[in-house]
Protein backbone atom coordinates (compact mmCIF):
# COMPACT_ATOMS: atom_id res chain seq x y z
CA UNK A 1 15.59 -33.58 -28.55
CA UNK A 2 16.65 -30.38 -27.37
CA UNK A 3 16.88 -29.70 -22.97
CA UNK A 4 14.19 -26.90 -23.94
CA UNK A 5 12.01 -29.34 -25.51
CA UNK A 6 12.63 -32.60 -23.31
CA UNK A 7 12.10 -30.63 -20.07
CA UNK A 8 8.45 -29.16 -21.72
CA UNK A 9 7.57 -32.70 -22.33
CA UNK A 10 8.33 -34.17 -19.03
CA UNK A 11 6.73 -31.57 -17.40
CA UNK A 12 3.30 -32.10 -19.77
CA UNK A 13 3.69 -36.00 -18.71
CA UNK A 14 3.57 -35.65 -15.15
CA UNK A 15 0.64 -33.23 -15.17
CA UNK A 16 -0.90 -35.95 -17.21
CA UNK A 17 0.18 -38.51 -15.30
CA UNK A 18 -1.19 -35.98 -11.66
CA UNK A 19 -4.49 -34.88 -13.14
CA UNK A 20 -3.33 -31.33 -13.02
CA UNK A 21 -3.32 -31.21 -9.26
CA UNK A 22 -7.11 -32.58 -8.50
CA UNK A 23 -7.13 -35.77 -6.61
CA UNK A 24 -10.29 -37.49 -7.14
CA UNK A 25 -12.04 -39.60 -4.78
CA UNK A 26 -12.69 -43.19 -4.98
CA UNK A 27 -16.79 -44.36 -3.34
CA UNK A 28 -14.70 -46.06 -0.68
CA UNK A 29 -13.19 -42.87 0.62
CA UNK A 30 -14.70 -41.54 3.72
CA UNK A 31 -13.86 -38.06 3.65
CA UNK A 32 -12.32 -35.46 0.97
CA UNK A 33 -8.49 -34.78 1.45
CA UNK A 34 -7.61 -31.96 3.05
CA UNK A 35 -6.87 -28.50 0.64
CA UNK A 36 -2.91 -27.67 0.68
CA UNK A 37 -2.23 -24.73 3.09
CA UNK A 38 -0.45 -21.65 1.76
CA UNK A 39 2.99 -21.50 2.29
CA UNK A 40 4.54 -20.29 5.62
CA UNK A 41 1.23 -20.80 7.64
CA UNK A 42 1.61 -24.69 8.57
CA UNK A 43 1.50 -24.90 12.19
CA UNK A 44 0.26 -21.36 12.48
CA UNK A 45 3.17 -19.98 10.81
CA UNK A 46 3.16 -16.48 9.50
CA UNK A 47 4.93 -15.91 6.14
CA UNK A 48 6.76 -13.04 7.07
CA UNK A 49 7.66 -13.55 10.84
CA UNK A 50 9.73 -10.56 11.24
CA UNK A 51 7.64 -8.07 9.43
CA UNK A 52 6.08 -5.99 12.62
CA UNK A 53 9.90 -5.96 14.15
CA UNK A 54 11.39 -4.59 10.83
CA UNK A 55 8.93 -1.64 10.49
CA UNK A 56 8.71 -0.41 13.90
CA UNK A 57 11.27 2.10 13.20
CA UNK A 58 7.75 3.67 11.06
CA UNK A 59 5.36 3.89 14.07
CA UNK A 60 3.78 6.80 14.23
CA UNK A 61 2.36 8.43 17.91
CA UNK A 62 -1.39 8.43 18.45
CA UNK A 63 -3.63 10.92 17.86
CA UNK A 64 -5.70 12.41 20.18
CA UNK A 65 -9.65 12.41 19.97
CA UNK A 66 -9.25 15.47 18.96
CA UNK A 67 -6.39 15.18 16.78
CA UNK A 68 -8.35 11.84 14.77
CA UNK A 69 -11.70 14.17 14.28
CA UNK A 70 -9.50 16.82 13.12
CA UNK A 71 -7.21 14.65 11.28
CA UNK A 72 -10.87 12.73 9.33
CA UNK A 73 -11.96 16.89 8.25
CA UNK A 74 -8.66 17.77 6.53
CA UNK A 75 -8.42 14.31 4.92
CA UNK A 76 -11.95 15.10 3.69
CA UNK A 77 -11.13 18.94 2.53
CA UNK A 78 -7.65 17.69 0.45
CA UNK A 79 -9.53 15.04 -0.99
CA UNK A 80 -12.04 17.68 -2.20
CA UNK A 81 -9.80 20.46 -2.76
CA UNK A 82 -7.50 18.07 -5.13
CA UNK A 83 -10.18 15.99 -6.72
CA UNK A 84 -10.11 18.84 -9.89
CA UNK A 85 -6.37 17.69 -10.27
CA UNK A 86 -7.28 14.14 -10.24
CA UNK A 87 -10.09 14.40 -12.85
CA UNK A 88 -8.19 15.70 -15.14
CA UNK A 89 -5.34 13.41 -14.78
CA UNK A 90 -2.82 16.32 -15.50
CA UNK A 91 -1.21 16.77 -11.32
CA UNK A 92 2.37 17.52 -11.11
CA UNK A 93 4.39 18.37 -7.75
CA UNK A 94 3.87 22.22 -8.70
CA UNK A 95 0.55 21.83 -9.36
CA UNK A 96 -0.36 19.39 -6.08
CA UNK A 97 1.89 22.22 -3.87
CA UNK A 98 -0.15 25.38 -5.33
CA UNK A 99 -3.71 23.34 -4.64
CA UNK A 100 -2.69 22.72 -1.06
CA UNK A 101 -1.70 26.27 -0.32
CA UNK A 102 -5.03 27.34 -2.25
CA UNK A 103 -6.46 25.36 0.63
CA UNK A 104 -4.95 27.17 3.15
CA UNK A 105 -2.10 25.32 3.96
CA UNK A 106 0.70 28.06 4.98
CA UNK A 107 3.99 27.49 4.10
CA UNK A 108 6.41 25.23 5.15
CA UNK A 109 3.66 22.81 6.14
CA UNK A 110 3.53 21.32 2.39
CA UNK A 111 5.85 19.14 0.44
CA UNK A 112 5.53 17.22 -2.51
CA UNK A 113 7.16 14.86 -3.99
CA UNK A 114 6.96 12.35 -7.45
CA UNK A 115 6.82 8.54 -7.17
CA UNK A 116 7.18 7.21 -11.06
CA UNK A 117 5.98 8.43 -13.94
CA UNK A 118 1.80 9.20 -13.15
CA UNK A 119 1.96 9.52 -9.29
CA UNK A 120 2.48 12.97 -6.91
CA UNK A 121 2.60 12.46 -3.13
CA UNK A 122 1.92 15.03 -0.80
CA UNK A 123 2.33 15.50 3.24
CA UNK A 124 0.77 18.73 5.22
CA UNK A 125 2.36 18.58 8.59
CA UNK A 126 -0.64 20.42 10.81
CA UNK A 127 1.36 20.31 14.73
CA UNK A 128 1.14 16.69 15.52
CA UNK A 129 -1.22 15.82 12.89
CA UNK A 130 -0.01 14.64 9.76
CA UNK A 131 -1.64 13.95 6.45
CA UNK A 132 -0.12 11.93 3.58
CA UNK A 133 -1.41 11.15 0.21
CA UNK A 134 -1.20 10.71 -3.05
CA UNK A 135 -2.65 11.70 -6.25
CA UNK A 136 -2.73 8.79 -9.31
CA UNK A 137 -1.94 10.10 -13.37
CA UNK A 138 -3.11 7.01 -14.24
CA UNK A 139 -6.59 6.00 -12.56
CA UNK A 140 -9.15 8.81 -13.34
CA UNK A 141 -9.97 11.21 -10.20
CA UNK A 142 -8.03 9.22 -7.82
CA UNK A 143 -6.89 10.83 -4.36
CA UNK A 144 -5.68 8.73 -1.49
CA UNK A 145 -5.05 10.40 2.11
CA UNK A 146 -4.89 9.19 5.56
CA UNK A 147 -3.89 11.31 8.75
CA UNK A 148 -1.71 10.43 10.81
CA UNK A 149 0.03 11.11 14.31
CA UNK A 150 3.84 12.28 13.86
CA UNK A 151 6.66 9.68 13.30
CA UNK A 152 8.43 7.94 16.44
CA UNK A 153 11.36 8.23 14.82
CA UNK A 154 11.64 12.33 15.34
CA UNK A 155 11.00 12.61 11.53
CA UNK A 156 7.95 14.61 12.18
CA UNK A 157 5.25 14.08 9.59
CA UNK A 158 8.22 12.88 6.63
CA UNK A 159 8.27 8.87 6.80
CA UNK A 160 11.53 7.68 7.81
CA UNK A 161 13.82 5.77 5.61
CA UNK A 162 16.23 2.72 6.57
CA UNK A 163 15.37 0.02 9.39
CA UNK A 164 17.67 -2.85 9.68
């Protein structure tokens, strides 16, 4: 037998002997066995304990109540304004840029980029308020947008890259 066939036969035999991971209770068992816990969560552990620490450089400033309300309104406005582009699955950096300018966002406040072959991302800078979002060219009609404060790293509304 080849190595691959021997390994496959061994794995199939082991699975058959162990009941494919199911533990059967016998009539004398008082309680069913405990389910195995997810990796990294034993004793209250975190699967990625340093995630927050490693991504702290991407923290944003808190929005005032007025900016939070304005941000919600801007997100709705952007989603409505870009809906036609998303429905046609024909968004490009240029078409998103022009559509946002047509909504009245001034020169210098709109940036666009492409993420992969089907996604167009955008950022609108409105003073202390940032609106980030994207149009998915594969999922018909999907426009994502969110409002947040400027990044603490001093990059304005542009998400900082790097970290440690």
